[in-house]
Amino acid sequence: MKKDIEFHPVAGVKLAIAKEVIEGQTEWAVYIINHNLIELNTVMITSKGYGFIGGEQRKTSVLRHMIKELGPQSIAKIEPIDPALFALHNEFWVSYYILDQIFDKKFIFTEGSMNPANISFIPDLGLEGVLHR
């Protein structure tokens, strides 16, 4: 059972939502960054958006992603994200193994976190966006 699993605190793993210009079009995407000196295995990520737009409750579909291995000090693009979803809370639940230990963390980009005032250069990606620590 889940209560019997010992989850360790996440360190060295970050998420970012960043934009890049591809063929003149601005595209936003979610990235996972592994700053650890060891690879992450069986990285499972679920994402969903929720909140209110125009006083009406909205919810996105739950998306699931799996990355078999994320090397030491490396980056992977998880999914593209529509800027219309920035009006919602965007939640990413990340679970992974290092050796035989499981790690688990929920990252939430709250409504308004993608405000232009919060966007800065993310050196790891070489792109502008918002880094969640």
Protein backbone atom coordinates (compact mmCIF):
# COMPACT_ATOMS: atom_id res chain seq x y z
CA MET A 1 0.00 0.00 0.00
CA LYS A 2 1.07 3.57 -0.62
CA LYS A 3 1.29 4.31 3.12
CA ASP A 4 3.94 1.58 3.41
CA ILE A 5 6.22 3.14 0.77
CA GLU A 6 8.93 5.40 2.10
CA PHE A 7 9.16 8.52 -0.09
CA HIS A 8 12.36 10.55 0.12
CA PRO A 9 12.52 14.34 -0.30
CA VAL A 10 13.21 15.54 -3.81
CA ALA A 11 16.47 17.42 -4.35
CA GLY A 12 18.12 18.54 -7.56
CA VAL A 13 15.03 18.17 -9.75
CA LYS A 14 13.20 21.22 -11.09
CA LEU A 15 10.44 21.96 -13.57
CA ALA A 16 10.25 24.91 -15.91
CA ILE A 17 7.74 26.32 -18.35
CA ALA A 18 9.68 28.09 -21.08
CA LYS A 19 9.13 29.56 -24.51
CA GLU A 20 11.10 29.21 -27.68
CA VAL A 21 10.61 30.64 -31.13
CA ILE A 22 10.40 27.96 -33.82
CA GLU A 23 10.01 29.13 -37.42
CA GLY A 24 8.68 32.49 -36.23
CA GLN A 25 6.11 30.94 -33.86
CA THR A 26 6.36 31.18 -30.07
CA GLU A 27 5.88 27.77 -28.49
CA TRP A 28 5.65 27.06 -24.76
CA ALA A 29 6.68 23.75 -23.21
CA VAL A 30 7.24 22.13 -19.83
CA TYR A 31 10.72 20.80 -19.05
CA ILE A 32 12.19 18.64 -16.30
CA ILE A 33 15.74 19.45 -15.21
CA ASN A 34 17.92 16.91 -13.38
CA HIS A 35 20.75 18.67 -11.55
CA ASN A 36 21.77 15.47 -9.77
CA LEU A 37 25.03 13.69 -10.56
CA ILE A 38 23.11 10.42 -10.97
CA GLU A 39 20.44 9.39 -13.45
CA LEU A 40 16.75 9.23 -12.64
CA ASN A 41 14.91 6.06 -13.64
CA THR A 42 11.26 5.45 -14.47
CA VAL A 43 10.32 9.11 -14.27
CA MET A 44 6.52 9.34 -14.19
CA ILE A 45 4.80 12.69 -14.60
CA THR A 46 1.10 13.46 -14.47
CA SER A 47 -0.15 16.90 -15.38
CA LYS A 48 -3.47 18.66 -15.03
CA GLY A 49 -4.87 22.17 -14.93
CA TYR A 50 -7.68 23.45 -12.76
CA GLY A 51 -9.22 26.72 -11.61
CA PHE A 52 -11.67 29.37 -12.75
CA ILE A 53 -11.88 31.28 -16.01
CA GLY A 54 -14.53 33.98 -16.25
CA GLY A 55 -16.09 32.79 -12.99
CA GLU A 56 -16.58 29.30 -14.41
CA GLN A 57 -14.77 26.27 -13.01
CA ARG A 58 -12.43 24.65 -15.56
CA LYS A 59 -10.45 21.43 -15.50
CA THR A 60 -8.12 19.94 -18.11
CA SER A 61 -7.62 16.30 -18.90
CA VAL A 62 -4.98 14.48 -16.89
CA LEU A 63 -1.94 13.70 -19.03
CA ARG A 64 0.60 11.03 -18.14
CA HIS A 65 4.20 10.86 -19.32
CA MET A 66 7.00 8.41 -18.69
CA ILE A 67 10.71 8.91 -19.22
CA LYS A 68 12.61 5.66 -18.87
CA GLU A 69 15.92 7.34 -17.96
CA LEU A 70 16.90 10.96 -17.40
CA GLY A 71 20.68 11.18 -17.31
CA PRO A 72 22.73 13.06 -14.74
CA GLN A 73 22.62 16.83 -15.20
CA SER A 74 20.23 16.60 -18.15
CA ILE A 75 16.95 18.02 -19.38
CA ALA A 76 13.87 16.56 -21.05
CA LYS A 77 10.88 18.24 -22.63
CA ILE A 78 7.73 16.84 -21.01
CA GLU A 79 4.93 18.40 -23.04
CA PRO A 80 3.88 21.50 -24.94
CA ILE A 81 1.50 23.82 -23.07
CA ASP A 82 -1.07 26.23 -24.46
CA PRO A 83 -0.67 29.75 -23.00
CA ALA A 84 -4.47 29.83 -22.48
CA LEU A 85 -3.85 27.37 -19.62
CA PHE A 86 -1.72 29.92 -17.74
CA ALA A 87 -5.00 31.29 -16.31
CA LEU A 88 -5.31 27.99 -14.40
CA HIS A 89 -3.25 26.25 -11.73
CA ASN A 90 -1.01 23.78 -13.60
CA GLU A 91 -0.02 20.81 -11.46
CA PHE A 92 2.74 18.33 -12.27
CA TRP A 93 3.21 15.28 -10.06
CA VAL A 94 6.71 13.83 -10.56
CA SER A 95 7.83 10.42 -9.29
CA TYR A 96 11.12 8.69 -10.06
CA TYR A 97 13.68 6.22 -8.82
CA ILE A 98 17.32 6.74 -7.96
CA LEU A 99 18.79 3.29 -7.56
CA ASP A 100 16.05 1.49 -5.59
CA GLN A 101 14.68 4.55 -3.77
CA ILE A 102 11.48 6.30 -4.88
CA PHE A 103 11.15 10.08 -4.88
CA ASP A 104 7.93 12.02 -5.32
CA LYS A 105 7.01 15.72 -5.56
CA LYS A 106 4.11 17.88 -6.69
CA PHE A 107 5.02 21.06 -8.60
CA ILE A 108 2.24 23.65 -9.01
CA PHE A 109 2.49 26.67 -11.29
CA THR A 110 -0.28 28.75 -9.77
CA GLU A 111 -2.62 30.98 -11.69
CA GLY A 112 -0.68 34.10 -12.65
CA SER A 113 2.76 32.53 -12.17
CA MET A 114 3.37 32.93 -15.91
CA ASN A 115 2.83 36.69 -15.64
CA PRO A 116 5.44 38.51 -17.80
CA ALA A 117 6.93 40.04 -14.62
CA ASN A 118 7.86 36.50 -13.45
CA ILE A 119 9.52 35.41 -16.67
CA SER A 120 13.30 35.36 -16.66
CA PHE A 121 16.18 33.71 -18.49
CA ILE A 122 16.71 30.07 -17.44
CA PRO A 123 20.40 29.29 -18.04
CA ASP A 124 19.91 25.50 -17.96
CA LEU A 125 17.53 25.73 -20.93
CA GLY A 126 18.92 28.80 -22.65
CA LEU A 127 15.29 30.00 -22.82
CA GLU A 128 13.03 32.45 -21.06
CA GLY A 129 10.33 31.18 -18.76
CA VAL A 130 9.47 30.40 -15.16
CA LEU A 131 11.53 27.96 -13.10
CA HIS A 132 9.80 26.06 -10.29
CA ARG A 133 12.17 24.96 -7.55
